[in-house]
């Protein structure tokens, strides 16, 4: 009986040891926001270029927002942003003079909560060609989706592409996610109408 009891204790000890080793491997594999940067972190710079703004798209977006009681204002231009990819241990730095920021705020209070107004931000990253925009969109989308979409914080984020521009929509609260989703889809699906004479 003592041998069986001793064998059971040894088995439990070995089982627990293997579980802890697996947990450590998983922790190392999936870093958190707070774990970056570290000695093994890689860096990637994404360079934006100022190009002709897609004014027709923004005029159409502004019109839709105004009909929904939102005001869209241009914010001071930003020169640099960064995002983490926790799965690849990569910090992506967005730099250059092709970054614009807009802020949309509703004039109507949310029905469920008085004095709570929906708002969200839109960052636009401009690139020289649609091909370069698509490559950078894929890179950023992977980073935003890393670690279950929590590698860059918990704010609701949406990333869309239209032509040579990547649009990053973000809001402060989960309850406003429907706005970033809705207007992100409008931006993504917007097409310039060509007029043939």
C-alpha atoms as a PDB file:
ATOM      1  CA  UNK A   1       0.000   0.000   0.000  1.00  0.00           C
ATOM      2  CA  UNK A   2       2.866   2.399   0.814  1.00  0.00           C
ATOM      3  CA  UNK A   3       4.413   1.731  -2.609  1.00  0.00           C
ATOM      4  CA  UNK A   4       1.164   2.638  -4.382  1.00  0.00           C
ATOM      5  CA  UNK A   5       0.786   5.816  -2.318  1.00  0.00           C
ATOM      6  CA  UNK A   6       4.423   6.775  -2.998  1.00  0.00           C
ATOM      7  CA  UNK A   7       3.988   6.032  -6.716  1.00  0.00           C
ATOM      8  CA  UNK A   8       0.863   8.223  -6.782  1.00  0.00           C
ATOM      9  CA  UNK A   9       2.736  11.139  -5.161  1.00  0.00           C
ATOM     10  CA  UNK A  10       5.605  10.837  -7.670  1.00  0.00           C
ATOM     11  CA  UNK A  11       3.115  10.709 -10.553  1.00  0.00           C
ATOM     12  CA  UNK A  12       1.339  13.862  -9.308  1.00  0.00           C
ATOM     13  CA  UNK A  13       4.648  15.676  -8.913  1.00  0.00           C
ATOM     14  CA  UNK A  14       5.709  14.811 -12.481  1.00  0.00           C
ATOM     15  CA  UNK A  15       2.297  15.822 -13.836  1.00  0.00           C
ATOM     16  CA  UNK A  16       2.412  19.190 -12.108  1.00  0.00           C
ATOM     17  CA  UNK A  17       5.959  19.804 -13.310  1.00  0.00           C
ATOM     18  CA  UNK A  18       4.993  19.223 -16.949  1.00  0.00           C
ATOM     19  CA  UNK A  19       1.978  21.522 -16.657  1.00  0.00           C
ATOM     20  CA  UNK A  20       4.132  24.376 -15.332  1.00  0.00           C
ATOM     21  CA  UNK A  21       6.638  23.916 -18.164  1.00  0.00           C
ATOM     22  CA  UNK A  22       3.800  24.028 -20.695  1.00  0.00           C
ATOM     23  CA  UNK A  23       2.433  27.188 -19.078  1.00  0.00           C
ATOM     24  CA  UNK A  24       5.851  28.857 -19.296  1.00  0.00           C
ATOM     25  CA  UNK A  25       6.160  27.922 -22.981  1.00  0.00           C
ATOM     26  CA  UNK A  26       2.708  29.369 -23.663  1.00  0.00           C
ATOM     27  CA  UNK A  27       3.566  32.566 -21.767  1.00  0.00           C
ATOM     28  CA  UNK A  28       6.739  33.001 -23.800  1.00  0.00           C
ATOM     29  CA  UNK A  29       4.911  32.264 -27.039  1.00  0.00           C
ATOM     30  CA  UNK A  30       2.183  34.858 -26.436  1.00  0.00           C
ATOM     31  CA  UNK A  31       3.517  38.046 -24.992  1.00  0.00           C
ATOM     32  CA  UNK A  32       1.295  40.730 -23.551  1.00  0.00           C
ATOM     33  CA  UNK A  33       1.369  44.457 -24.160  1.00  0.00           C
ATOM     34  CA  UNK A  34       3.245  44.909 -20.896  1.00  0.00           C
ATOM     35  CA  UNK A  35       5.966  42.435 -21.997  1.00  0.00           C
ATOM     36  CA  UNK A  36       7.084  44.567 -24.927  1.00  0.00           C
ATOM     37  CA  UNK A  37       9.684  45.694 -25.756  1.00  0.00           C
ATOM     38  CA  UNK A  38      12.124  43.053 -24.561  1.00  0.00           C
ATOM     39  CA  UNK A  39      15.559  41.813 -25.652  1.00  0.00           C
ATOM     40  CA  UNK A  40      14.095  39.757 -28.501  1.00  0.00           C
ATOM     41  CA  UNK A  41      11.668  42.385 -29.822  1.00  0.00           C
ATOM     42  CA  UNK A  42      11.980  43.206 -33.520  1.00  0.00           C
ATOM     43  CA  UNK A  43      11.062  46.576 -34.988  1.00  0.00           C
ATOM     44  CA  UNK A  44       9.458  47.436 -38.328  1.00  0.00           C
ATOM     45  CA  UNK A  45       9.011  50.948 -39.664  1.00  0.00           C
ATOM     46  CA  UNK A  46       6.075  51.711 -41.951  1.00  0.00           C
ATOM     47  CA  UNK A  47       6.599  54.948 -43.855  1.00  0.00           C
ATOM     48  CA  UNK A  48       3.531  56.908 -44.941  1.00  0.00           C
ATOM     49  CA  UNK A  49       3.511  59.441 -47.775  1.00  0.00           C
ATOM     50  CA  UNK A  50       1.339  62.495 -48.096  1.00  0.00           C
ATOM     51  CA  UNK A  51      -0.668  62.144 -51.278  1.00  0.00           C
ATOM     52  CA  UNK A  52      -3.802  63.705 -52.657  1.00  0.00           C
ATOM     53  CA  UNK A  53      -6.450  63.195 -49.990  1.00  0.00           C
ATOM     54  CA  UNK A  54      -9.493  61.202 -51.002  1.00  0.00           C
ATOM     55  CA  UNK A  55     -11.775  64.225 -50.656  1.00  0.00           C
ATOM     56  CA  UNK A  56     -14.778  62.620 -52.361  1.00  0.00           C
ATOM     57  CA  UNK A  57     -14.721  59.741 -49.896  1.00  0.00           C
ATOM     58  CA  UNK A  58     -14.435  62.098 -46.926  1.00  0.00           C
ATOM     59  CA  UNK A  59     -17.168  64.401 -48.222  1.00  0.00           C
ATOM     60  CA  UNK A  60     -19.473  61.373 -48.611  1.00  0.00           C
ATOM     61  CA  UNK A  61     -18.511  60.120 -45.136  1.00  0.00           C
ATOM     62  CA  UNK A  62     -19.025  63.565 -43.604  1.00  0.00           C
ATOM     63  CA  UNK A  63     -22.454  63.796 -45.242  1.00  0.00           C
ATOM     64  CA  UNK A  64     -23.503  60.387 -43.840  1.00  0.00           C
ATOM     65  CA  UNK A  65     -22.211  61.330 -40.392  1.00  0.00           C
ATOM     66  CA  UNK A  66     -24.065  64.660 -40.425  1.00  0.00           C
ATOM     67  CA  UNK A  67     -27.314  62.882 -41.349  1.00  0.00           C
ATOM     68  CA  UNK A  68     -26.753  60.674 -38.287  1.00  0.00           C
ATOM     69  CA  UNK A  69     -26.165  63.764 -36.062  1.00  0.00           C
ATOM     70  CA  UNK A  70     -22.368  63.417 -35.942  1.00  0.00           C
ATOM     71  CA  UNK A  71     -19.797  66.144 -36.410  1.00  0.00           C
ATOM     72  CA  UNK A  72     -16.514  65.168 -38.103  1.00  0.00           C
ATOM     73  CA  UNK A  73     -13.510  67.382 -37.343  1.00  0.00           C
ATOM     74  CA  UNK A  74      -9.927  67.130 -38.487  1.00  0.00           C
ATOM     75  CA  UNK A  75      -7.441  66.864 -35.639  1.00  0.00           C
ATOM     76  CA  UNK A  76      -3.840  68.006 -35.509  1.00  0.00           C
ATOM     77  CA  UNK A  77      -1.727  65.767 -37.734  1.00  0.00           C
ATOM     78  CA  UNK A  78       0.328  63.105 -36.015  1.00  0.00           C
ATOM     79  CA  UNK A  79       3.804  62.186 -37.210  1.00  0.00           C
ATOM     80  CA  UNK A  80       4.276  58.843 -35.471  1.00  0.00           C
ATOM     81  CA  UNK A  81       2.260  55.955 -33.999  1.00  0.00           C
ATOM     82  CA  UNK A  82       3.200  52.435 -32.944  1.00  0.00           C
ATOM     83  CA  UNK A  83       1.433  49.105 -32.527  1.00  0.00           C
ATOM     84  CA  UNK A  84       2.484  45.739 -31.119  1.00  0.00           C
ATOM     85  CA  UNK A  85       2.274  42.279 -32.633  1.00  0.00           C
ATOM     86  CA  UNK A  86       2.441  40.074 -29.524  1.00  0.00           C
ATOM     87  CA  UNK A  87       2.663  36.824 -31.475  1.00  0.00           C
ATOM     88  CA  UNK A  88       5.698  37.865 -33.548  1.00  0.00           C
ATOM     89  CA  UNK A  89       7.245  40.018 -30.775  1.00  0.00           C
ATOM     90  CA  UNK A  90       7.232  42.927 -33.215  1.00  0.00           C
ATOM     91  CA  UNK A  91       6.688  46.659 -32.712  1.00  0.00           C
ATOM     92  CA  UNK A  92       5.394  48.410 -35.822  1.00  0.00           C
ATOM     93  CA  UNK A  93       6.151  52.116 -36.021  1.00  0.00           C
ATOM     94  CA  UNK A  94       4.048  54.196 -38.427  1.00  0.00           C
ATOM     95  CA  UNK A  95       5.940  57.293 -39.429  1.00  0.00           C
ATOM     96  CA  UNK A  96       5.909  59.991 -42.096  1.00  0.00           C
ATOM     97  CA  UNK A  97       3.826  62.892 -43.308  1.00  0.00           C
ATOM     98  CA  UNK A  98       0.923  60.769 -44.591  1.00  0.00           C
ATOM     99  CA  UNK A  99      -0.942  60.392 -41.288  1.00  0.00           C
ATOM    100  CA  UNK A 100      -4.210  62.273 -40.716  1.00  0.00           C
ATOM    101  CA  UNK A 101      -6.596  62.084 -37.774  1.00  0.00           C
ATOM    102  CA  UNK A 102     -10.311  62.867 -37.544  1.00  0.00           C
ATOM    103  CA  UNK A 103     -12.731  62.847 -34.638  1.00  0.00           C
ATOM    104  CA  UNK A 104     -16.466  62.109 -34.948  1.00  0.00           C
ATOM    105  CA  UNK A 105     -18.860  62.954 -32.102  1.00  0.00           C
ATOM    106  CA  UNK A 106     -22.611  62.594 -31.945  1.00  0.00           C
ATOM    107  CA  UNK A 107     -24.847  65.506 -30.982  1.00  0.00           C
ATOM    108  CA  UNK A 108     -27.507  63.092 -29.736  1.00  0.00           C
ATOM    109  CA  UNK A 109     -27.198  61.370 -26.403  1.00  0.00           C
ATOM    110  CA  UNK A 110     -27.400  57.580 -26.345  1.00  0.00           C
ATOM    111  CA  UNK A 111     -30.947  56.473 -25.498  1.00  0.00           C
ATOM    112  CA  UNK A 112     -29.831  54.058 -22.795  1.00  0.00           C
ATOM    113  CA  UNK A 113     -27.581  56.568 -21.011  1.00  0.00           C
ATOM    114  CA  UNK A 114     -28.316  60.262 -20.725  1.00  0.00           C
ATOM    115  CA  UNK A 115     -25.395  62.629 -21.315  1.00  0.00           C
ATOM    116  CA  UNK A 116     -23.413  59.880 -23.066  1.00  0.00           C
ATOM    117  CA  UNK A 117     -22.485  60.760 -26.625  1.00  0.00           C
ATOM    118  CA  UNK A 118     -21.068  58.312 -29.132  1.00  0.00           C
ATOM    119  CA  UNK A 119     -17.665  59.216 -30.502  1.00  0.00           C
ATOM    120  CA  UNK A 120     -14.812  57.624 -32.392  1.00  0.00           C
ATOM    121  CA  UNK A 121     -11.524  58.530 -34.046  1.00  0.00           C
ATOM    122  CA  UNK A 122     -10.320  57.810 -37.563  1.00  0.00           C
ATOM    123  CA  UNK A 123      -6.638  57.715 -38.458  1.00  0.00           C
ATOM    124  CA  UNK A 124      -5.760  57.660 -42.142  1.00  0.00           C
ATOM    125  CA  UNK A 125      -2.425  56.226 -43.278  1.00  0.00           C
ATOM    126  CA  UNK A 126      -1.583  57.229 -46.859  1.00  0.00           C
ATOM    127  CA  UNK A 127       0.779  55.282 -49.113  1.00  0.00           C
ATOM    128  CA  UNK A 128       2.106  55.856 -52.612  1.00  0.00           C
ATOM    129  CA  UNK A 129       0.278  52.890 -54.190  1.00  0.00           C
ATOM    130  CA  UNK A 130      -2.646  50.589 -53.380  1.00  0.00           C
ATOM    131  CA  UNK A 131      -0.209  47.633 -53.396  1.00  0.00           C
ATOM    132  CA  UNK A 132       1.932  49.184 -50.630  1.00  0.00           C
ATOM    133  CA  UNK A 133      -1.248  50.113 -48.731  1.00  0.00           C
ATOM    134  CA  UNK A 134      -2.424  46.469 -48.910  1.00  0.00           C
ATOM    135  CA  UNK A 135       0.935  45.154 -47.638  1.00  0.00           C
ATOM    136  CA  UNK A 136       0.841  47.541 -44.676  1.00  0.00           C
ATOM    137  CA  UNK A 137      -2.846  46.830 -44.054  1.00  0.00           C
ATOM    138  CA  UNK A 138      -2.036  43.101 -43.764  1.00  0.00           C
ATOM    139  CA  UNK A 139       0.843  43.839 -41.374  1.00  0.00           C
ATOM    140  CA  UNK A 140      -1.307  46.086 -39.147  1.00  0.00           C
ATOM    141  CA  UNK A 141      -4.328  43.772 -39.262  1.00  0.00           C
ATOM    142  CA  UNK A 142      -2.160  40.889 -38.025  1.00  0.00           C
ATOM    143  CA  UNK A 143      -0.863  43.072 -35.176  1.00  0.00           C
ATOM    144  CA  UNK A 144      -4.381  44.209 -34.203  1.00  0.00           C
ATOM    145  CA  UNK A 145      -5.589  40.592 -34.139  1.00  0.00           C
ATOM    146  CA  UNK A 146      -2.636  39.266 -32.141  1.00  0.00           C
ATOM    147  CA  UNK A 147      -3.325  37.849 -28.689  1.00  0.00           C
ATOM    148  CA  UNK A 148      -7.076  37.775 -29.244  1.00  0.00           C
ATOM    149  CA  UNK A 149      -7.228  41.460 -30.290  1.00  0.00           C
ATOM    150  CA  UNK A 150      -5.880  42.590 -26.891  1.00  0.00           C
ATOM    151  CA  UNK A 151      -2.211  43.174 -27.741  1.00  0.00           C
ATOM    152  CA  UNK A 152      -2.796  46.898 -28.339  1.00  0.00           C
ATOM    153  CA  UNK A 153      -5.293  47.483 -25.555  1.00  0.00           C
ATOM    154  CA  UNK A 154      -8.967  46.686 -25.221  1.00  0.00           C
ATOM    155  CA  UNK A 155     -10.481  49.566 -27.189  1.00  0.00           C
ATOM    156  CA  UNK A 156     -12.697  48.485 -30.089  1.00  0.00           C
ATOM    157  CA  UNK A 157     -10.634  48.866 -33.270  1.00  0.00           C
ATOM    158  CA  UNK A 158     -11.448  48.441 -36.965  1.00  0.00           C
ATOM    159  CA  UNK A 159      -8.991  48.560 -39.831  1.00  0.00           C
ATOM    160  CA  UNK A 160     -10.126  48.961 -43.451  1.00  0.00           C
ATOM    161  CA  UNK A 161      -8.468  49.782 -46.738  1.00  0.00           C
ATOM    162  CA  UNK A 162      -9.648  51.896 -49.659  1.00  0.00           C
ATOM    163  CA  UNK A 163      -7.261  52.520 -52.539  1.00  0.00           C
ATOM    164  CA  UNK A 164      -3.899  53.760 -51.311  1.00  0.00           C
ATOM    165  CA  UNK A 165      -5.195  54.604 -47.821  1.00  0.00           C
ATOM    166  CA  UNK A 166      -5.568  52.474 -44.692  1.00  0.00           C
ATOM    167  CA  UNK A 167      -8.236  53.660 -42.237  1.00  0.00           C
ATOM    168  CA  UNK A 168      -7.980  52.873 -38.535  1.00  0.00           C
ATOM    169  CA  UNK A 169     -11.196  53.476 -36.584  1.00  0.00           C
ATOM    170  CA  UNK A 170     -11.204  53.341 -32.798  1.00  0.00           C
ATOM    171  CA  UNK A 171     -13.602  54.219 -30.019  1.00  0.00           C
ATOM    172  CA  UNK A 172     -13.318  54.460 -26.260  1.00  0.00           C
ATOM    173  CA  UNK A 173     -16.109  52.072 -25.301  1.00  0.00           C
ATOM    174  CA  UNK A 174     -17.443  48.714 -26.425  1.00  0.00           C
ATOM    175  CA  UNK A 175     -20.947  50.193 -26.591  1.00  0.00           C
ATOM    176  CA  UNK A 176     -19.818  52.377 -29.525  1.00  0.00           C
ATOM    177  CA  UNK A 177     -18.302  49.511 -31.559  1.00  0.00           C
ATOM    178  CA  UNK A 178     -21.339  49.519 -33.860  1.00  0.00           C
ATOM    179  CA  UNK A 179     -20.326  52.973 -35.108  1.00  0.00           C
ATOM    180  CA  UNK A 180     -16.747  51.985 -35.969  1.00  0.00           C
ATOM    181  CA  UNK A 181     -18.058  48.847 -37.682  1.00  0.00           C
ATOM    182  CA  UNK A 182     -20.737  50.722 -39.639  1.00  0.00           C
ATOM    183  CA  UNK A 183     -18.588  53.615 -40.818  1.00  0.00           C
ATOM    184  CA  UNK A 184     -15.593  51.345 -41.413  1.00  0.00           C
ATOM    185  CA  UNK A 185     -17.711  49.323 -43.844  1.00  0.00           C
ATOM    186  CA  UNK A 186     -18.892  52.531 -45.544  1.00  0.00           C
ATOM    187  CA  UNK A 187     -15.260  53.598 -46.052  1.00  0.00           C
ATOM    188  CA  UNK A 188     -14.180  50.152 -47.249  1.00  0.00           C
ATOM    189  CA  UNK A 189     -17.023  49.839 -49.762  1.00  0.00           C
ATOM    190  CA  UNK A 190     -16.883  53.414 -51.072  1.00  0.00           C
ATOM    191  CA  UNK A 191     -16.090  53.561 -54.769  1.00  0.00           C
ATOM    192  CA  UNK A 192     -15.510  56.615 -56.868  1.00  0.00           C
ATOM    193  CA  UNK A 193     -18.132  56.824 -59.580  1.00  0.00           C
ATOM    194  CA  UNK A 194     -16.553  57.352 -62.960  1.00  0.00           C
ATOM    195  CA  UNK A 195     -18.493  59.562 -65.300  1.00  0.00           C
ATOM    196  CA  UNK A 196     -18.250  58.680 -68.967  1.00  0.00           C
ATOM    197  CA  UNK A 197     -19.074  61.388 -71.480  1.00  0.00           C
END
